[in-house]
Protein backbone atom coordinates (compact mmCIF):
# COMPACT_ATOMS: atom_id res chain seq x y z
CA GLY A 1 30.24 -12.24 -33.42
CA PHE A 2 33.07 -10.39 -31.54
CA ILE A 3 35.42 -12.28 -33.33
CA THR A 4 35.31 -13.13 -37.04
CA PRO A 5 36.85 -16.54 -37.90
CA ASP A 6 40.06 -16.52 -40.58
CA SER A 7 38.25 -19.31 -42.61
CA GLY A 8 35.30 -21.73 -42.40
CA ALA A 9 31.48 -20.98 -41.75
CA ILE A 10 29.10 -21.54 -38.95
CA TYR A 11 25.79 -22.54 -40.20
CA LEU A 12 22.62 -22.75 -38.22
CA GLY A 13 20.43 -24.72 -39.88
CA ASN A 14 20.73 -23.70 -43.90
CA GLU A 15 21.96 -20.10 -42.92
CA ASP A 16 25.72 -18.82 -42.57
CA ILE A 17 25.81 -16.79 -39.45
CA VAL A 18 29.48 -16.04 -39.69
CA ARG A 19 28.67 -12.26 -40.95
CA LEU A 20 25.51 -11.42 -38.94
CA ALA A 21 25.86 -9.49 -35.53
CA PRO A 22 25.37 -11.27 -32.44
CA ASN A 23 22.09 -9.84 -31.93
CA GLU A 24 20.91 -11.26 -35.30
CA ARG A 25 21.95 -14.59 -34.37
CA ASN A 26 18.75 -16.95 -33.29
CA VAL A 27 21.41 -18.21 -30.72
CA ASN A 28 21.45 -17.86 -26.50
CA THR A 29 24.04 -18.82 -24.20
CA ILE A 30 23.86 -20.04 -20.65
CA PHE A 31 27.33 -19.05 -18.75
CA GLN A 32 29.16 -20.75 -16.14
CA LYS A 33 28.91 -17.63 -13.81
CA TYR A 34 25.15 -17.37 -14.36
CA ALA A 35 25.19 -13.66 -15.32
CA LEU A 36 22.17 -12.78 -14.14
CA PHE A 37 21.39 -9.12 -13.32
CA PRO A 38 21.70 -8.59 -9.33
CA HIS A 39 19.03 -5.92 -9.60
CA LEU A 40 16.63 -7.42 -11.18
CA ASN A 41 14.28 -10.06 -9.69
CA ILE A 42 13.58 -13.38 -11.03
CA TYR A 43 10.64 -12.17 -12.71
CA GLU A 44 12.51 -9.37 -14.63
CA ASN A 45 15.72 -11.41 -15.47
CA VAL A 46 13.41 -13.75 -17.34
CA ALA A 47 11.41 -11.15 -18.80
CA PHE A 48 14.37 -8.68 -19.90
CA PRO A 49 14.91 -10.58 -23.47
CA LEU A 50 11.46 -9.93 -24.45
CA ARG A 51 11.68 -6.16 -22.97
CA LEU A 52 14.49 -5.68 -25.39
CA LYS A 53 12.03 -6.83 -28.50
CA LYS A 54 9.24 -4.13 -26.92
CA ILE A 55 6.85 -7.32 -26.69
CA ASP A 56 3.70 -6.26 -24.86
CA ASP A 57 3.00 -6.79 -21.31
CA LYS A 58 0.54 -9.14 -21.37
CA THR A 59 2.57 -11.79 -23.72
CA ILE A 60 6.10 -11.01 -21.50
CA ASP A 61 3.61 -12.03 -18.18
CA GLU A 62 2.38 -15.51 -19.71
CA GLU A 63 5.49 -16.23 -21.33
CA VAL A 64 7.66 -15.49 -18.12
CA LYS A 65 5.44 -17.57 -16.08
CA LYS A 66 5.56 -20.54 -18.44
CA PHE A 67 9.21 -20.28 -18.31
CA ILE A 68 9.67 -20.09 -14.68
CA LYS A 69 7.29 -23.00 -14.27
CA LEU A 70 9.14 -24.94 -16.67
CA VAL A 71 12.52 -24.68 -14.35
CA ASP A 72 10.25 -25.02 -11.23
CA LEU A 73 10.80 -21.78 -9.27
CA GLU A 74 7.38 -20.22 -9.14
CA ASP A 75 8.09 -19.89 -5.49
CA HIS A 76 11.12 -17.59 -6.11
CA ILE A 77 9.63 -15.62 -8.57
CA TYR A 78 9.75 -12.33 -7.11
CA LYS A 79 13.39 -12.97 -5.44
CA LYS A 80 16.66 -11.45 -6.62
CA PRO A 81 19.47 -13.62 -7.36
CA ASN A 82 21.44 -13.37 -4.41
CA GLN A 83 18.52 -14.72 -2.65
CA LEU A 84 18.75 -18.48 -4.44
CA SER A 85 21.27 -21.30 -4.51
CA GLY A 86 23.84 -21.54 -6.95
CA GLY A 87 21.34 -24.46 -8.74
CA GLN A 88 18.40 -22.00 -8.55
CA GLN A 89 20.26 -19.15 -10.22
CA GLN A 90 21.52 -21.26 -13.47
CA ARG A 91 17.95 -22.47 -13.54
CA VAL A 92 16.90 -18.65 -13.98
CA SER A 93 19.73 -18.17 -16.61
CA ILE A 94 18.07 -21.43 -18.68
CA ALA A 95 14.79 -19.63 -18.46
CA ARG A 96 16.08 -16.82 -19.23
CA ALA A 97 17.73 -18.21 -22.67
CA LEU A 98 14.64 -20.23 -23.65
CA ILE A 99 12.18 -17.60 -23.70
CA ASN A 100 13.68 -16.30 -26.59
CA LYS A 101 13.01 -19.58 -28.33
CA PRO A 102 16.70 -19.93 -29.79
CA GLY A 103 17.45 -22.12 -32.52
CA VAL A 104 20.13 -23.53 -30.65
CA LEU A 105 20.88 -23.32 -27.24
CA LEU A 106 24.61 -23.29 -26.05
CA LEU A 107 25.76 -24.18 -22.66
CA ASP A 108 29.56 -22.82 -21.55
CA GLU A 109 30.22 -25.39 -18.45
CA PRO A 110 27.06 -24.39 -17.05
CA LEU A 111 27.24 -26.75 -13.94
CA SER A 112 30.94 -26.96 -13.43
CA ALA A 113 30.17 -23.91 -10.27
CA LEU A 114 27.84 -26.59 -8.35
CA ASP A 115 28.80 -29.18 -6.00
CA ALA A 116 28.33 -32.73 -7.23
CA LYS A 117 25.23 -33.72 -6.01
CA LEU A 118 23.68 -30.65 -7.32
CA ARG A 119 24.91 -31.02 -10.47
CA GLN A 120 23.25 -34.64 -10.92
CA ASN A 121 20.04 -33.22 -10.16
CA LEU A 122 20.34 -30.32 -12.56
CA LEU A 123 21.36 -32.56 -15.28
CA ILE A 124 18.35 -34.74 -15.23
CA GLU A 125 16.60 -31.49 -14.90
CA LEU A 126 18.04 -30.46 -18.13
CA ASP A 127 17.68 -33.37 -20.12
CA ASN A 128 13.65 -33.14 -18.95
CA ILE A 129 13.75 -29.42 -20.24
CA HIS A 130 15.62 -30.45 -23.30
CA ASP A 131 13.11 -32.99 -24.04
CA GLU A 132 10.07 -30.62 -23.60
CA VAL A 133 11.33 -27.61 -25.41
CA GLY A 134 12.87 -29.83 -28.46
CA ILE A 135 15.73 -27.59 -29.68
CA THR A 136 19.08 -28.32 -30.32
CA PHE A 137 21.94 -28.01 -27.02
CA ILE A 138 25.30 -27.64 -27.50
CA PHE A 139 26.69 -28.63 -24.22
CA ILE A 140 30.70 -28.09 -23.46
CA THR A 141 32.10 -29.69 -20.58
CA HIS A 142 35.45 -30.94 -19.79
CA ASP A 143 33.46 -33.22 -17.19
CA GLN A 144 32.95 -36.65 -18.83
CA GLN A 145 30.66 -38.22 -16.70
CA GLU A 146 28.52 -35.12 -17.62
CA ALA A 147 28.94 -35.77 -21.09
CA LEU A 148 27.85 -38.95 -21.23
CA SER A 149 25.13 -38.71 -19.11
CA ILE A 150 23.34 -35.81 -20.89
CA SER A 151 24.46 -36.15 -24.60
CA ASP A 152 22.87 -37.75 -27.68
CA ARG A 153 26.25 -37.23 -29.70
CA ILE A 154 29.33 -36.49 -28.30
CA ALA A 155 31.95 -34.46 -30.04
CA VAL A 156 35.82 -35.04 -28.77
CA MET A 157 37.78 -32.18 -29.18
CA ASN A 158 41.68 -31.96 -28.85
CA LYS A 159 43.77 -28.80 -29.84
CA GLY A 160 41.01 -27.45 -31.97
CA ASN A 161 40.44 -30.64 -33.69
CA ILE A 162 37.31 -32.81 -33.38
CA LEU A 163 38.69 -36.49 -33.28
CA GLN A 164 35.56 -38.57 -32.88
CA VAL A 165 31.56 -37.39 -32.99
CA GLY A 166 29.28 -40.47 -32.08
CA THR A 167 26.67 -41.90 -29.16
CA PRO A 168 28.06 -41.80 -25.89
CA ALA A 169 28.56 -45.25 -26.36
CA GLU A 170 30.49 -45.42 -29.39
CA VAL A 171 32.57 -42.86 -28.03
CA TYR A 172 33.00 -45.00 -24.76
CA GLU A 173 33.39 -48.43 -26.22
CA SER A 174 34.85 -47.86 -29.66
CA PRO A 175 37.18 -44.96 -29.05
CA ALA A 176 38.80 -43.27 -32.33
CA ASP A 177 41.84 -43.17 -30.89
CA SER A 178 44.47 -43.30 -27.81
CA PHE A 179 43.41 -39.77 -26.62
CA VAL A 180 39.68 -40.37 -26.61
CA ALA A 181 40.13 -43.87 -24.99
CA ASP A 182 42.08 -41.93 -21.88
CA PHE A 183 39.84 -38.92 -22.22
CA ILE A 184 36.37 -40.40 -22.00
CA GLY A 185 36.56 -42.27 -18.41
CA GLU A 186 39.42 -44.55 -16.77
CA ASN A 187 41.33 -47.12 -19.11
CA ASN A 188 44.01 -49.46 -19.39
CA PHE A 189 46.51 -49.63 -22.28
CA PHE A 190 49.37 -52.25 -22.71
CA GLN A 191 51.52 -52.49 -26.14
CA GLY A 192 53.11 -55.75 -28.18
CA ILE A 193 53.80 -57.25 -31.17
CA VAL A 194 51.24 -58.99 -33.22
CA SER A 195 52.30 -62.49 -32.89
CA GLU A 196 49.07 -64.65 -33.88
CA ILE A 197 46.28 -63.77 -36.17
CA ILE A 198 43.77 -66.49 -35.19
CA SER A 199 40.50 -65.28 -37.11
CA ASP A 200 39.19 -62.27 -38.25
CA THR A 201 37.93 -61.52 -35.14
CA TYR A 202 40.75 -62.38 -32.65
CA ALA A 203 44.65 -61.96 -32.43
CA LYS A 204 47.46 -62.12 -29.90
CA LEU A 205 50.02 -59.76 -28.88
CA LYS A 206 53.00 -60.59 -27.28
CA ASP A 207 54.98 -58.43 -24.53
CA ASP A 208 57.85 -59.27 -22.39
CA ASN A 209 56.24 -58.58 -19.26
CA LEU A 210 52.45 -59.52 -20.25
CA GLY A 211 53.00 -62.51 -22.24
CA GLU A 212 50.66 -63.48 -24.99
CA LEU A 213 47.28 -61.82 -24.55
CA ILE A 214 44.31 -62.69 -26.95
CA PHE A 215 42.19 -59.44 -28.31
CA GLU A 216 39.14 -58.52 -30.64
CA VAL A 217 40.33 -57.59 -33.68
CA ASP A 218 38.19 -53.89 -35.36
CA LYS A 219 41.10 -52.64 -37.49
CA PRO A 220 43.29 -54.31 -40.34
CA ILE A 221 46.70 -55.42 -38.63
CA ASN A 222 49.66 -58.00 -39.59
CA ILE A 223 51.78 -60.10 -37.75
CA GLY A 224 54.97 -58.30 -36.33
CA ASP A 225 52.69 -54.69 -36.01
CA HIS A 226 53.41 -52.99 -32.80
CA ILE A 227 50.06 -52.04 -31.69
CA LYS A 228 48.29 -50.41 -28.25
CA VAL A 229 45.17 -52.31 -27.12
CA SER A 230 42.86 -51.23 -24.00
CA ILE A 231 40.50 -52.38 -21.63
CA ARG A 232 38.29 -50.72 -19.34
CA PRO A 233 38.70 -51.25 -15.52
CA GLU A 234 35.15 -52.29 -14.93
CA LYS A 235 35.63 -54.96 -17.53
CA ILE A 236 38.30 -56.86 -15.53
CA ARG A 237 37.70 -59.27 -12.85
CA VAL A 238 39.69 -59.25 -9.94
CA SER A 239 39.60 -62.80 -7.58
CA LYS A 240 41.93 -63.99 -4.85
CA GLN A 241 42.29 -67.38 -6.37
CA ALA A 242 43.36 -68.16 -9.76
CA PRO A 243 40.11 -68.22 -12.08
CA SER A 244 38.95 -71.82 -13.49
CA GLY A 245 36.93 -72.64 -16.24
CA LEU A 246 37.36 -69.88 -18.36
CA SER A 247 37.31 -70.14 -22.18
CA GLU A 248 40.42 -69.64 -24.09
CA LYS A 249 39.36 -66.30 -25.04
CA TYR A 250 40.03 -65.30 -21.45
CA ASN A 251 43.29 -63.20 -20.49
CA THR A 252 44.38 -64.05 -16.95
CA LEU A 253 47.12 -62.30 -15.27
CA LYS A 254 48.51 -62.84 -11.78
CA VAL A 255 49.16 -59.29 -9.80
CA TYR A 256 50.09 -57.77 -6.91
CA VAL A 257 47.30 -55.20 -5.23
CA ASP A 258 49.56 -51.83 -4.87
CA GLU A 259 46.64 -49.77 -3.58
CA LEU A 260 42.75 -50.23 -2.90
CA ILE A 261 40.44 -47.55 -2.64
CA TYR A 262 37.17 -48.48 -1.19
CA SER A 263 34.31 -46.10 -2.50
CA GLY A 264 31.13 -47.77 -1.32
CA PHE A 265 29.61 -48.91 -4.35
CA GLN A 266 32.80 -50.41 -5.86
CA SER A 267 36.45 -50.70 -4.90
CA LYS A 268 39.19 -49.54 -7.33
CA TYR A 269 42.15 -51.90 -7.46
CA PHE A 270 45.54 -50.78 -8.75
CA VAL A 271 47.88 -53.98 -9.25
CA TRP A 272 51.03 -54.28 -10.80
CA VAL A 273 51.56 -57.34 -12.94
CA ASN A 274 53.58 -60.03 -12.06
CA GLY A 275 54.74 -57.94 -8.86
CA ASP A 276 56.96 -56.06 -11.51
CA LYS A 277 56.27 -52.37 -11.63
CA ASN A 278 56.56 -52.08 -15.42
CA GLN A 279 52.68 -52.69 -15.94
CA LEU A 280 50.04 -50.99 -13.69
CA PHE A 281 46.40 -51.62 -14.12
CA LYS A 282 43.23 -50.51 -12.67
CA ALA A 283 40.29 -52.32 -12.15
CA PHE A 284 36.69 -51.81 -10.55
CA LYS A 285 34.83 -54.44 -8.39
CA GLN A 286 31.22 -53.67 -8.09
CA HIS A 287 29.59 -54.19 -4.65
CA ALA A 288 26.38 -55.58 -5.56
CA VAL A 289 25.73 -57.74 -2.33
CA TYR A 290 26.56 -56.49 1.12
CA PHE A 291 30.63 -55.82 1.50
CA ASP A 292 32.77 -57.45 4.31
CA GLU A 293 36.54 -56.51 4.78
CA ASP A 294 36.78 -59.54 6.73
CA ASP A 295 35.51 -62.18 4.68
CA HIS A 296 38.02 -64.76 3.65
CA ASP A 297 37.37 -63.92 0.10
CA THR A 298 37.90 -59.91 0.36
CA ILE A 299 41.05 -58.89 -1.40
CA HIS A 300 43.18 -56.63 0.33
CA TRP A 301 45.82 -54.09 -0.26
CA ASP A 302 49.63 -56.02 -0.48
CA GLU A 303 48.17 -59.25 -1.37
CA ASP A 304 48.56 -61.28 -4.29
CA ALA A 305 45.61 -61.71 -6.78
CA TYR A 306 44.20 -62.47 -10.16
CA ILE A 307 42.95 -60.39 -12.74
CA SER A 308 41.04 -61.55 -15.81
CA TRP A 309 39.03 -60.21 -18.84
CA HIS A 310 37.32 -61.38 -22.13
CA ALA A 311 38.89 -60.49 -25.32
CA ASP A 312 35.84 -58.95 -26.60
CA ASP A 313 35.87 -56.24 -23.96
CA SER A 314 39.41 -54.96 -24.87
CA PHE A 315 39.89 -52.41 -27.73
CA LEU A 316 42.52 -52.04 -30.70
CA VAL A 317 43.16 -48.33 -30.21
CA GLU A 318 45.95 -47.92 -32.37
CA VAL A 319 48.41 -49.34 -34.66
CA MET A 320 51.72 -47.72 -33.84
């Protein structure tokens, strides 16, 4: 409400709220920095919106205790904000926003000030709160994992334009273009010329460094088109020996392991194709069983290896 748009409309339900004053819009915001009143205790912070509306004390008391219970802070109800952790303070700001019963709740990077484990815990709590109150949450974040974890629908924006709107699975597995494919999660990209159209479902591209690779077709293409294809690192298999017995729908490349990062539940391999530093691939190997770095089948840094993936797992992101 502080800046009037040059054009367009903002609808909340069927009402255009652009010309309404901020206090006339049935919208509340959760801020990145909590924005709690430091001189008020938790009870009074949550009660503040209702006191502005001149609600009677009995109703205020009932509502405040209900929403403080919703965010699991009954034991801290009379503490000041500086006596709470960051996660607890953010839960107070959530209760204060929800007590207003807004038509939509805006969350502006609400978890970015918290550490990683606390963010995960609060994400789960937010999801549960959303299910309980049943209103629309618009959650702004630069953290792709947060977006994938909590959303029913994701809108990916770049320079003020919405590039794709879809479910987390749609946006991750079927990105609209290279920006979306690169922005959401990690990805590998390779380019080439369409050398053969095998069927309605599969085609081959040719690249001087990679050779011929088969990929799934989901966009109109013609032989000779210059295209860009992506493959997610977790879809790639890494093996010490050349894989055998794979169908013709698999791509296999010999690689050199340039970097290996062990992160407990998985290892990340950064490999160069054919030992030539023209095409870098990332591959993630999940440790579903005990990881023994001395095992003879374990792939180490500075060794040759093989990567392979099924054509169905690659995605045509762009016809250039």
